[in-house]
C-alpha atoms as a PDB file:
ATOM      1  CA  MET A   1    -190.803 -17.702  -2.805  1.00  0.00           C
ATOM      2  CA  ASP A   2    -190.461 -18.046  -7.197  1.00  0.00           C
ATOM      3  CA  ILE A   3    -191.113 -21.435  -6.640  1.00  0.00           C
ATOM      4  CA  LEU A   4    -194.240 -20.692  -4.745  1.00  0.00           C
ATOM      5  CA  ILE A   5    -195.692 -18.390  -7.195  1.00  0.00           C
ATOM      6  CA  GLN A   6    -194.740 -21.030 -10.219  1.00  0.00           C
ATOM      7  CA  GLN A   7    -196.936 -23.602  -8.619  1.00  0.00           C
ATOM      8  CA  LEU A   8    -199.682 -21.091  -7.915  1.00  0.00           C
ATOM      9  CA  PHE A   9    -199.461 -20.457 -10.989  1.00  0.00           C
ATOM     10  CA  ASN A  10    -199.777 -23.830 -12.532  1.00  0.00           C
ATOM     11  CA  GLY A  11    -202.517 -24.596 -10.262  1.00  0.00           C
ATOM     12  CA  LEU A  12    -204.835 -21.854 -11.729  1.00  0.00           C
ATOM     13  CA  THR A  13    -204.269 -23.495 -15.347  1.00  0.00           C
ATOM     14  CA  ILE A  14    -204.806 -27.043 -13.909  1.00  0.00           C
ATOM     15  CA  GLY A  15    -208.058 -25.300 -12.296  1.00  0.00           C
ATOM     16  CA  SER A  16    -209.437 -23.699 -15.270  1.00  0.00           C
ATOM     17  CA  VAL A  17    -209.083 -26.754 -17.465  1.00  0.00           C
ATOM     18  CA  TYR A  18    -211.088 -28.675 -14.681  1.00  0.00           C
ATOM     19  CA  SER A  19    -213.622 -25.724 -14.216  1.00  0.00           C
ATOM     20  CA  LEU A  20    -214.648 -25.999 -17.710  1.00  0.00           C
ATOM     21  CA  VAL A  21    -214.959 -29.875 -17.649  1.00  0.00           C
ATOM     22  CA  ALA A  22    -217.120 -29.525 -14.221  1.00  0.00           C
ATOM     23  CA  LEU A  23    -219.261 -26.580 -15.854  1.00  0.00           C
ATOM     24  CA  GLY A  24    -220.571 -29.194 -18.541  1.00  0.00           C
ATOM     25  CA  LEU A  25    -221.060 -31.804 -16.151  1.00  0.00           C
ATOM     26  CA  THR A  26    -223.018 -29.219 -13.947  1.00  0.00           C
ATOM     27  CA  LEU A  27    -225.457 -27.704 -16.017  1.00  0.00           C
ATOM     28  CA  VAL A  28    -226.287 -31.299 -17.520  1.00  0.00           C
ATOM     29  CA  TYR A  29    -226.385 -33.097 -13.851  1.00  0.00           C
ATOM     30  CA  GLY A  30    -229.292 -29.344 -12.725  1.00  0.00           C
ATOM     31  CA  ILE A  31    -231.255 -29.787 -15.493  1.00  0.00           C
ATOM     32  CA  LEU A  32    -232.229 -33.165 -16.371  1.00  0.00           C
ATOM     33  CA  HIS A  33    -230.184 -34.934 -13.147  1.00  0.00           C
ATOM     34  CA  ILE A  34    -227.765 -37.028 -15.383  1.00  0.00           C
ATOM     35  CA  PRO A  35    -224.239 -37.982 -14.340  1.00  0.00           C
ATOM     36  CA  ASN A  36    -223.238 -38.025 -17.849  1.00  0.00           C
ATOM     37  CA  PHE A  37    -220.014 -40.126 -17.681  1.00  0.00           C
ATOM     38  CA  ALA A  38    -219.695 -39.969 -21.280  1.00  0.00           C
ATOM     39  CA  HIS A  39    -218.722 -36.061 -20.987  1.00  0.00           C
ATOM     40  CA  GLY A  40    -215.209 -37.672 -20.287  1.00  0.00           C
ATOM     41  CA  ALA A  41    -215.505 -38.926 -24.254  1.00  0.00           C
ATOM     42  CA  LEU A  42    -216.532 -35.269 -25.442  1.00  0.00           C
ATOM     43  CA  TYR A  43    -213.676 -34.116 -24.166  1.00  0.00           C
ATOM     44  CA  MET A  44    -211.157 -36.395 -25.578  1.00  0.00           C
ATOM     45  CA  LEU A  45    -212.863 -35.987 -28.935  1.00  0.00           C
ATOM     46  CA  GLY A  46    -212.501 -32.406 -28.564  1.00  0.00           C
ATOM     47  CA  ALA A  47    -208.522 -32.696 -28.590  1.00  0.00           C
ATOM     48  CA  TYR A  48    -209.250 -35.088 -31.710  1.00  0.00           C
ATOM     49  CA  VAL A  49    -211.314 -33.104 -33.777  1.00  0.00           C
ATOM     50  CA  THR A  50    -209.140 -29.467 -33.215  1.00  0.00           C
ATOM     51  CA  LEU A  51    -205.754 -31.688 -33.504  1.00  0.00           C
ATOM     52  CA  THR A  52    -207.313 -33.101 -37.034  1.00  0.00           C
ATOM     53  CA  THR A  53    -208.497 -29.826 -38.967  1.00  0.00           C
ATOM     54  CA  MET A  54    -205.054 -28.245 -37.766  1.00  0.00           C
ATOM     55  CA  LEU A  55    -202.976 -31.908 -39.336  1.00  0.00           C
ATOM     56  CA  LEU A  56    -205.532 -32.491 -42.852  1.00  0.00           C
ATOM     57  CA  TRP A  57    -206.696 -28.753 -43.632  1.00  0.00           C
ATOM     58  CA  GLY A  58    -204.240 -27.088 -42.141  1.00  0.00           C
ATOM     59  CA  PHE A  59    -206.692 -24.645 -40.459  1.00  0.00           C
ATOM     60  CA  HIS A  60    -205.887 -22.129 -37.740  1.00  0.00           C
ATOM     61  CA  TYR A  61    -205.430 -23.134 -34.019  1.00  0.00           C
ATOM     62  CA  TRP A  62    -208.422 -20.783 -33.329  1.00  0.00           C
ATOM     63  CA  LEU A  63    -210.322 -21.926 -36.322  1.00  0.00           C
ATOM     64  CA  ALA A  64    -209.767 -24.996 -35.161  1.00  0.00           C
ATOM     65  CA  ILE A  65    -211.495 -24.781 -31.954  1.00  0.00           C
ATOM     66  CA  ALA A  66    -214.607 -23.477 -33.301  1.00  0.00           C
ATOM     67  CA  ILE A  67    -214.946 -26.101 -35.211  1.00  0.00           C
ATOM     68  CA  SER A  68    -214.019 -28.506 -32.772  1.00  0.00           C
ATOM     69  CA  VAL A  69    -217.041 -26.558 -30.124  1.00  0.00           C
ATOM     70  CA  LEU A  70    -219.648 -26.718 -33.036  1.00  0.00           C
ATOM     71  CA  ILE A  71    -218.919 -30.918 -33.782  1.00  0.00           C
ATOM     72  CA  VAL A  72    -218.586 -31.922 -30.342  1.00  0.00           C
ATOM     73  CA  GLY A  73    -221.825 -29.552 -29.396  1.00  0.00           C
ATOM     74  CA  LEU A  74    -223.798 -30.912 -32.324  1.00  0.00           C
ATOM     75  CA  LEU A  75    -222.828 -34.934 -30.226  1.00  0.00           C
ATOM     76  CA  GLY A  76    -224.021 -33.821 -26.845  1.00  0.00           C
ATOM     77  CA  VAL A  77    -226.963 -32.856 -28.962  1.00  0.00           C
ATOM     78  CA  LEU A  78    -227.355 -36.180 -30.656  1.00  0.00           C
ATOM     79  CA  MET A  79    -226.398 -38.206 -27.445  1.00  0.00           C
ATOM     80  CA  ASP A  80    -229.217 -36.559 -26.330  1.00  0.00           C
ATOM     81  CA  ARG A  81    -232.022 -36.916 -28.540  1.00  0.00           C
ATOM     82  CA  LEU A  82    -230.756 -40.516 -29.428  1.00  0.00           C
ATOM     83  CA  VAL A  83    -229.864 -41.539 -26.134  1.00  0.00           C
ATOM     84  CA  PHE A  84    -230.804 -40.116 -22.865  1.00  0.00           C
ATOM     85  CA  HIS A  85    -234.517 -38.712 -24.233  1.00  0.00           C
ATOM     86  CA  PRO A  86    -235.977 -41.885 -25.456  1.00  0.00           C
ATOM     87  CA  LEU A  87    -234.571 -43.155 -21.341  1.00  0.00           C
ATOM     88  CA  ARG A  88    -235.912 -39.755 -19.631  1.00  0.00           C
ATOM     89  CA  ASN A  89    -238.977 -42.549 -18.182  1.00  0.00           C
ATOM     90  CA  ALA A  90    -237.052 -45.509 -17.571  1.00  0.00           C
ATOM     91  CA  PRO A  91    -235.608 -46.315 -13.824  1.00  0.00           C
ATOM     92  CA  PRO A  92    -232.560 -43.666 -13.056  1.00  0.00           C
ATOM     93  CA  ILE A  93    -229.563 -46.511 -13.327  1.00  0.00           C
ATOM     94  CA  HIS A  94    -230.493 -46.578 -16.869  1.00  0.00           C
ATOM     95  CA  ASP A  95    -229.143 -43.353 -18.462  1.00  0.00           C
ATOM     96  CA  LYS A  96    -226.085 -43.829 -15.937  1.00  0.00           C
ATOM     97  CA  ILE A  97    -225.081 -47.529 -17.878  1.00  0.00           C
ATOM     98  CA  ALA A  98    -226.036 -45.732 -21.372  1.00  0.00           C
ATOM     99  CA  ALA A  99    -223.506 -43.422 -20.641  1.00  0.00           C
ATOM    100  CA  ILE A 100    -221.048 -45.593 -19.474  1.00  0.00           C
ATOM    101  CA  GLY A 101    -221.776 -47.060 -22.864  1.00  0.00           C
ATOM    102  CA  ILE A 102    -221.618 -43.874 -24.696  1.00  0.00           C
ATOM    103  CA  LEU A 103    -218.296 -43.770 -23.480  1.00  0.00           C
ATOM    104  CA  LEU A 104    -217.001 -47.057 -24.301  1.00  0.00           C
ATOM    105  CA  PHE A 105    -218.480 -46.744 -27.741  1.00  0.00           C
ATOM    106  CA  LEU A 106    -216.303 -43.836 -28.432  1.00  0.00           C
ATOM    107  CA  GLU A 107    -213.551 -44.152 -27.409  1.00  0.00           C
ATOM    108  CA  ALA A 108    -213.306 -47.491 -29.160  1.00  0.00           C
ATOM    109  CA  LEU A 109    -214.518 -45.381 -32.433  1.00  0.00           C
ATOM    110  CA  ALA A 110    -211.288 -42.700 -31.983  1.00  0.00           C
ATOM    111  CA  GLN A 111    -208.829 -45.510 -31.012  1.00  0.00           C
ATOM    112  CA  ILE A 112    -210.154 -47.345 -34.777  1.00  0.00           C
ATOM    113  CA  VAL A 113    -210.070 -43.621 -36.447  1.00  0.00           C
ATOM    114  CA  TRP A 114    -207.151 -42.416 -34.753  1.00  0.00           C
ATOM    115  CA  GLY A 115    -205.307 -45.218 -33.104  1.00  0.00           C
ATOM    116  CA  ALA A 116    -203.931 -45.729 -29.890  1.00  0.00           C
ATOM    117  CA  ASP A 117    -200.806 -43.888 -30.284  1.00  0.00           C
ATOM    118  CA  TYR A 118    -200.102 -40.774 -27.879  1.00  0.00           C
ATOM    119  CA  ARG A 119    -200.202 -37.502 -29.987  1.00  0.00           C
ATOM    120  CA  SER A 120    -198.957 -33.912 -29.311  1.00  0.00           C
ATOM    121  CA  MET A 121    -200.228 -30.577 -30.484  1.00  0.00           C
ATOM    122  CA  ASP A 122    -198.599 -28.006 -32.023  1.00  0.00           C
ATOM    123  CA  THR A 123    -199.567 -24.628 -30.813  1.00  0.00           C
ATOM    124  CA  PRO A 124    -198.714 -20.966 -32.276  1.00  0.00           C
ATOM    125  CA  TYR A 125    -198.720 -19.711 -28.733  1.00  0.00           C
ATOM    126  CA  GLY A 126    -195.523 -21.894 -27.666  1.00  0.00           C
ATOM    127  CA  GLN A 127    -193.256 -18.707 -26.783  1.00  0.00           C
ATOM    128  CA  VAL A 128    -191.398 -18.861 -22.908  1.00  0.00           C
ATOM    129  CA  ILE A 129    -191.525 -15.586 -21.202  1.00  0.00           C
ATOM    130  CA  ASN A 130    -189.674 -14.896 -17.716  1.00  0.00           C
ATOM    131  CA  VAL A 131    -191.761 -12.730 -15.690  1.00  0.00           C
ATOM    132  CA  PHE A 132    -189.783 -11.337 -12.271  1.00  0.00           C
ATOM    133  CA  GLY A 133    -188.241 -15.032 -12.528  1.00  0.00           C
ATOM    134  CA  VAL A 134    -191.625 -17.060 -13.276  1.00  0.00           C
ATOM    135  CA  THR A 135    -191.300 -18.857 -16.075  1.00  0.00           C
ATOM    136  CA  LEU A 136    -194.977 -18.749 -17.890  1.00  0.00           C
ATOM    137  CA  THR A 137    -195.919 -20.301 -21.365  1.00  0.00           C
ATOM    138  CA  MET A 138    -197.974 -18.168 -23.535  1.00  0.00           C
ATOM    139  CA  GLN A 139    -200.103 -21.304 -24.065  1.00  0.00           C
ATOM    140  CA  ARG A 140    -201.132 -21.730 -20.203  1.00  0.00           C
ATOM    141  CA  ILE A 141    -201.985 -17.754 -20.270  1.00  0.00           C
ATOM    142  CA  LEU A 142    -204.333 -18.643 -22.826  1.00  0.00           C
ATOM    143  CA  ILE A 143    -205.522 -20.983 -21.295  1.00  0.00           C
ATOM    144  CA  ASN A 144    -206.668 -19.399 -18.033  1.00  0.00           C
ATOM    145  CA  VAL A 145    -207.698 -16.312 -19.961  1.00  0.00           C
ATOM    146  CA  GLY A 146    -209.422 -18.341 -22.367  1.00  0.00           C
ATOM    147  CA  ALA A 147    -211.109 -20.121 -19.416  1.00  0.00           C
ATOM    148  CA  ILE A 148    -211.983 -17.195 -17.463  1.00  0.00           C
ATOM    149  CA  SER A 149    -213.401 -15.520 -20.379  1.00  0.00           C
ATOM    150  CA  VAL A 150    -215.701 -18.549 -21.155  1.00  0.00           C
ATOM    151  CA  MET A 151    -216.754 -18.908 -17.560  1.00  0.00           C
ATOM    152  CA  ILE A 152    -217.770 -14.981 -17.049  1.00  0.00           C
ATOM    153  CA  LEU A 153    -219.669 -15.696 -20.557  1.00  0.00           C
ATOM    154  CA  LEU A 154    -221.735 -18.446 -19.635  1.00  0.00           C
ATOM    155  CA  TYR A 155    -222.456 -16.460 -16.301  1.00  0.00           C
ATOM    156  CA  LEU A 156    -223.566 -13.450 -18.273  1.00  0.00           C
ATOM    157  CA  PHE A 157    -225.718 -16.004 -20.619  1.00  0.00           C
ATOM    158  CA  LEU A 158    -227.365 -17.213 -18.276  1.00  0.00           C
ATOM    159  CA  LYS A 159    -228.168 -14.336 -16.294  1.00  0.00           C
ATOM    160  CA  LYS A 160    -228.577 -11.841 -18.870  1.00  0.00           C
ATOM    161  CA  THR A 161    -230.850 -13.261 -21.140  1.00  0.00           C
ATOM    162  CA  PHE A 162    -233.965 -14.543 -22.103  1.00  0.00           C
ATOM    163  CA  ILE A 163    -232.801 -18.246 -23.257  1.00  0.00           C
ATOM    164  CA  GLY A 164    -230.414 -18.382 -20.037  1.00  0.00           C
ATOM    165  CA  SER A 165    -233.216 -17.401 -18.239  1.00  0.00           C
ATOM    166  CA  THR A 166    -235.351 -20.911 -19.228  1.00  0.00           C
ATOM    167  CA  ILE A 167    -232.270 -23.454 -18.316  1.00  0.00           C
ATOM    168  CA  ILE A 168    -231.768 -21.689 -14.919  1.00  0.00           C
ATOM    169  CA  ALA A 169    -235.901 -22.082 -14.777  1.00  0.00           C
ATOM    170  CA  MET A 170    -235.989 -25.557 -15.531  1.00  0.00           C
ATOM    171  CA  ALA A 171    -233.061 -26.542 -13.653  1.00  0.00           C
ATOM    172  CA  GLN A 172    -235.152 -25.149 -10.481  1.00  0.00           C
ATOM    173  CA  ASN A 173    -238.203 -26.908 -11.313  1.00  0.00           C
ATOM    174  CA  ARG A 174    -238.396 -28.632 -14.850  1.00  0.00           C
ATOM    175  CA  GLU A 175    -242.376 -29.767 -14.350  1.00  0.00           C
ATOM    176  CA  GLY A 176    -243.072 -26.025 -13.548  1.00  0.00           C
ATOM    177  CA  ALA A 177    -241.252 -24.665 -16.879  1.00  0.00           C
ATOM    178  CA  HIS A 178    -243.007 -26.950 -18.896  1.00  0.00           C
ATOM    179  CA  LEU A 179    -246.282 -25.364 -17.296  1.00  0.00           C
ATOM    180  CA  VAL A 180    -245.457 -22.268 -18.230  1.00  0.00           C
ATOM    181  CA  GLY A 181    -244.863 -22.829 -21.958  1.00  0.00           C
ATOM    182  CA  ILE A 182    -241.387 -23.273 -21.634  1.00  0.00           C
ATOM    183  CA  ASN A 183    -239.797 -25.744 -24.415  1.00  0.00           C
ATOM    184  CA  THR A 184    -237.912 -28.457 -22.426  1.00  0.00           C
ATOM    185  CA  ASN A 185    -236.966 -30.365 -24.994  1.00  0.00           C
ATOM    186  CA  LYS A 186    -235.206 -27.972 -26.550  1.00  0.00           C
ATOM    187  CA  VAL A 187    -233.789 -26.281 -23.546  1.00  0.00           C
ATOM    188  CA  ALA A 188    -232.565 -29.905 -22.864  1.00  0.00           C
ATOM    189  CA  MET A 189    -230.844 -30.010 -26.390  1.00  0.00           C
ATOM    190  CA  LEU A 190    -229.322 -27.044 -25.805  1.00  0.00           C
ATOM    191  CA  THR A 191    -227.763 -27.644 -22.684  1.00  0.00           C
ATOM    192  CA  PHE A 192    -226.225 -31.010 -23.760  1.00  0.00           C
ATOM    193  CA  MET A 193    -224.870 -28.447 -26.949  1.00  0.00           C
ATOM    194  CA  ILE A 194    -223.702 -26.167 -24.457  1.00  0.00           C
ATOM    195  CA  SER A 195    -221.948 -29.038 -22.100  1.00  0.00           C
ATOM    196  CA  GLY A 196    -220.042 -30.189 -25.565  1.00  0.00           C
ATOM    197  CA  GLY A 197    -218.970 -27.256 -26.206  1.00  0.00           C
ATOM    198  CA  LEU A 198    -217.385 -26.443 -23.064  1.00  0.00           C
ATOM    199  CA  ALA A 199    -215.426 -29.838 -23.168  1.00  0.00           C
ATOM    200  CA  ALA A 200    -214.173 -29.207 -26.455  1.00  0.00           C
ATOM    201  CA  ILE A 201    -212.917 -26.127 -25.429  1.00  0.00           C
ATOM    202  CA  ALA A 202    -211.505 -27.469 -22.294  1.00  0.00           C
ATOM    203  CA  ALA A 203    -209.568 -29.711 -24.307  1.00  0.00           C
ATOM    204  CA  SER A 204    -208.274 -28.073 -27.184  1.00  0.00           C
ATOM    205  CA  LEU A 205    -206.661 -24.901 -24.431  1.00  0.00           C
ATOM    206  CA  SER A 206    -205.227 -28.238 -22.302  1.00  0.00           C
ATOM    207  CA  ALA A 207    -203.741 -30.494 -25.530  1.00  0.00           C
ATOM    208  CA  PRO A 208    -201.086 -28.611 -26.287  1.00  0.00           C
ATOM    209  CA  ILE A 209    -199.265 -29.080 -23.046  1.00  0.00           C
ATOM    210  CA  ASN A 210    -200.156 -32.317 -22.585  1.00  0.00           C
ATOM    211  CA  LEU A 211    -200.928 -35.084 -24.752  1.00  0.00           C
ATOM    212  CA  VAL A 212    -204.388 -36.680 -27.080  1.00  0.00           C
ATOM    213  CA  PHE A 213    -205.132 -40.501 -26.658  1.00  0.00           C
ATOM    214  CA  PRO A 214    -207.963 -41.987 -26.280  1.00  0.00           C
ATOM    215  CA  GLY A 215    -207.956 -42.609 -22.952  1.00  0.00           C
ATOM    216  CA  MET A 216    -207.357 -39.183 -21.546  1.00  0.00           C
ATOM    217  CA  GLY A 217    -210.884 -38.218 -20.953  1.00  0.00           C
ATOM    218  CA  HIS A 218    -210.642 -40.638 -18.039  1.00  0.00           C
ATOM    219  CA  LEU A 219    -208.955 -38.939 -15.230  1.00  0.00           C
ATOM    220  CA  VAL A 220    -210.315 -35.704 -16.086  1.00  0.00           C
ATOM    221  CA  ILE A 221    -213.755 -36.631 -15.949  1.00  0.00           C
ATOM    222  CA  LEU A 222    -213.134 -38.547 -12.553  1.00  0.00           C
ATOM    223  CA  LYS A 223    -211.252 -35.156 -11.053  1.00  0.00           C
ATOM    224  CA  ALA A 224    -214.771 -33.168 -12.717  1.00  0.00           C
ATOM    225  CA  PHE A 225    -217.318 -35.539 -10.754  1.00  0.00           C
ATOM    226  CA  VAL A 226    -215.350 -34.673  -7.257  1.00  0.00           C
ATOM    227  CA  ILE A 227    -215.458 -31.058  -8.490  1.00  0.00           C
ATOM    228  CA  ILE A 228    -219.193 -31.246  -8.670  1.00  0.00           C
ATOM    229  CA  ILE A 229    -219.770 -32.953  -5.561  1.00  0.00           C
ATOM    230  CA  LEU A 230    -217.354 -30.971  -3.368  1.00  0.00           C
ATOM    231  CA  GLY A 231    -219.088 -27.838  -4.971  1.00  0.00           C
ATOM    232  CA  GLY A 232    -222.697 -29.207  -4.494  1.00  0.00           C
ATOM    233  CA  MET A 233    -224.454 -31.030  -6.985  1.00  0.00           C
ATOM    234  CA  GLY A 234    -226.309 -28.718 -10.223  1.00  0.00           C
ATOM    235  CA  SER A 235    -224.189 -25.799  -8.517  1.00  0.00           C
ATOM    236  CA  ILE A 236    -221.915 -23.491 -11.576  1.00  0.00           C
ATOM    237  CA  PRO A 237    -220.391 -21.705  -8.050  1.00  0.00           C
ATOM    238  CA  GLY A 238    -219.055 -24.683  -6.428  1.00  0.00           C
ATOM    239  CA  ALA A 239    -218.028 -26.251  -9.871  1.00  0.00           C
ATOM    240  CA  ILE A 240    -215.530 -23.576 -10.569  1.00  0.00           C
ATOM    241  CA  ILE A 241    -214.701 -22.824  -7.137  1.00  0.00           C
ATOM    242  CA  GLY A 242    -214.066 -26.938  -6.525  1.00  0.00           C
ATOM    243  CA  GLY A 243    -212.167 -26.947  -9.374  1.00  0.00           C
ATOM    244  CA  TYR A 244    -209.606 -24.173  -9.023  1.00  0.00           C
ATOM    245  CA  ILE A 245    -209.506 -26.020  -5.146  1.00  0.00           C
ATOM    246  CA  ILE A 246    -208.611 -28.987  -6.848  1.00  0.00           C
ATOM    247  CA  GLY A 247    -206.463 -27.217  -9.234  1.00  0.00           C
ATOM    248  CA  PHE A 248    -204.513 -25.165  -6.555  1.00  0.00           C
ATOM    249  CA  SER A 249    -204.507 -28.559  -4.062  1.00  0.00           C
ATOM    250  CA  GLU A 250    -202.509 -30.945  -6.891  1.00  0.00           C
ATOM    251  CA  SER A 251    -199.916 -28.402  -8.046  1.00  0.00           C
ATOM    252  CA  LEU A 252    -198.946 -27.544  -4.259  1.00  0.00           C
ATOM    253  CA  GLY A 253    -198.889 -30.901  -2.947  1.00  0.00           C
ATOM    254  CA  ALA A 254    -197.071 -32.471  -6.506  1.00  0.00           C
ATOM    255  CA  THR A 255    -194.146 -29.859  -5.030  1.00  0.00           C
ATOM    256  CA  TYR A 256    -194.352 -29.625  -1.355  1.00  0.00           C
ATOM    257  CA  ILE A 257    -195.554 -33.337  -0.592  1.00  0.00           C
ATOM    258  CA  SER A 258    -195.051 -35.445  -3.860  1.00  0.00           C
ATOM    259  CA  GLY A 259    -195.549 -36.311  -7.620  1.00  0.00           C
ATOM    260  CA  GLU A 260    -196.942 -39.714  -6.830  1.00  0.00           C
ATOM    261  CA  TYR A 261    -199.471 -38.224  -4.757  1.00  0.00           C
ATOM    262  CA  SER A 262    -200.644 -35.569  -6.604  1.00  0.00           C
ATOM    263  CA  ASP A 263    -203.725 -37.466  -8.332  1.00  0.00           C
ATOM    264  CA  ILE A 264    -204.723 -39.006  -4.860  1.00  0.00           C
ATOM    265  CA  ILE A 265    -205.041 -35.045  -3.651  1.00  0.00           C
ATOM    266  CA  ALA A 266    -208.280 -34.738  -5.295  1.00  0.00           C
ATOM    267  CA  PHE A 267    -210.088 -37.482  -3.473  1.00  0.00           C
ATOM    268  CA  VAL A 268    -208.729 -36.829  -0.272  1.00  0.00           C
ATOM    269  CA  LEU A 269    -209.965 -33.563  -0.409  1.00  0.00           C
ATOM    270  CA  LEU A 270    -213.657 -34.573  -1.404  1.00  0.00           C
ATOM    271  CA  VAL A 271    -213.935 -37.317   2.269  1.00  0.00           C
ATOM    272  CA  VAL A 272    -212.415 -34.078   4.043  1.00  0.00           C
ATOM    273  CA  ILE A 273    -214.470 -31.478   2.716  1.00  0.00           C
ATOM    274  CA  LEU A 274    -217.675 -33.681   2.901  1.00  0.00           C
ATOM    275  CA  SER A 275    -217.365 -34.369   6.286  1.00  0.00           C
ATOM    276  CA  PHE A 276    -217.769 -30.964   7.071  1.00  0.00           C
ATOM    277  CA  LYS A 277    -220.350 -29.809   4.649  1.00  0.00           C
ATOM    278  CA  PRO A 278    -221.932 -33.383   3.419  1.00  0.00           C
ATOM    279  CA  LYS A 279    -223.901 -31.775   0.680  1.00  0.00           C
ATOM    280  CA  GLY A 280    -220.588 -29.601  -0.943  1.00  0.00           C
ATOM    281  CA  LEU A 281    -219.576 -25.999  -0.415  1.00  0.00           C
ATOM    282  CA  PHE A 282    -222.845 -24.884  -2.433  1.00  0.00           C
ATOM    283  CA  SER A 283    -225.849 -27.050  -1.610  1.00  0.00           C
ATOM    284  CA  ARG A 284    -228.283 -24.943  -3.140  1.00  0.00           C
ATOM    285  CA  GLU A 285    -229.553 -26.547  -7.131  1.00  0.00           C
ATOM    286  CA  GLY A 286    -230.895 -24.548  -9.723  1.00  0.00           C
ATOM    287  CA  PHE A 287    -227.559 -23.311 -10.283  1.00  0.00           C
END
């Protein structure tokens, strides 16, 4: 029983990270219908910026995360203005190729700046506690509390604020939102900023229990795409629930089946669920 509870907690931790990354993808896809393959590079840069500000300038962990969110969010805005916005009237394949190009460019840039070595990130929350026979680390607790708090704040922002309402309106009908006076360009920029910020938060929270390296976003972004397809393209509830489904499945599968196949479980689940629900668990778009 202790092993089961331990793995359920680990699955909750993994799912929290996956859900944050998938939420950023979902926001961009829901509004602009762009599958942003470069999102994994934003995740990677979020970890590097946090690590660098802590090591070079001695900033506290939370301040480093805030700076990372700001920088990566602004980078997301630059991606929109310099790449995706000029391609808005181009054939659909062009933005996909551009996103892959950005991914490769940012990974090469990271390797030039920080090198290809694997790095570890220190955390002020490295304490280990034992609760009813289950070993927990404060960093993993922080990941869960932080991720869930961010999800709640994002929900309140989208549902309870005027700016959030404009994002939802644009996701439902971009042309209609433009006709009623919504500045679609500003909404797109804000969406990319939020998306980048979510990736930075996810990376900064999870980096202390993983490693930081230029290719760290590859597997995460693949699973994030699995999650948003599984949950329903453009669905925020689908991204959150899909993230936790994959997280729990991987954690339990690694324990009771084999750790060698844990990364395959996400793709097997995708095939099984889409066989019964071809449009995903939540097929309604527009959040």
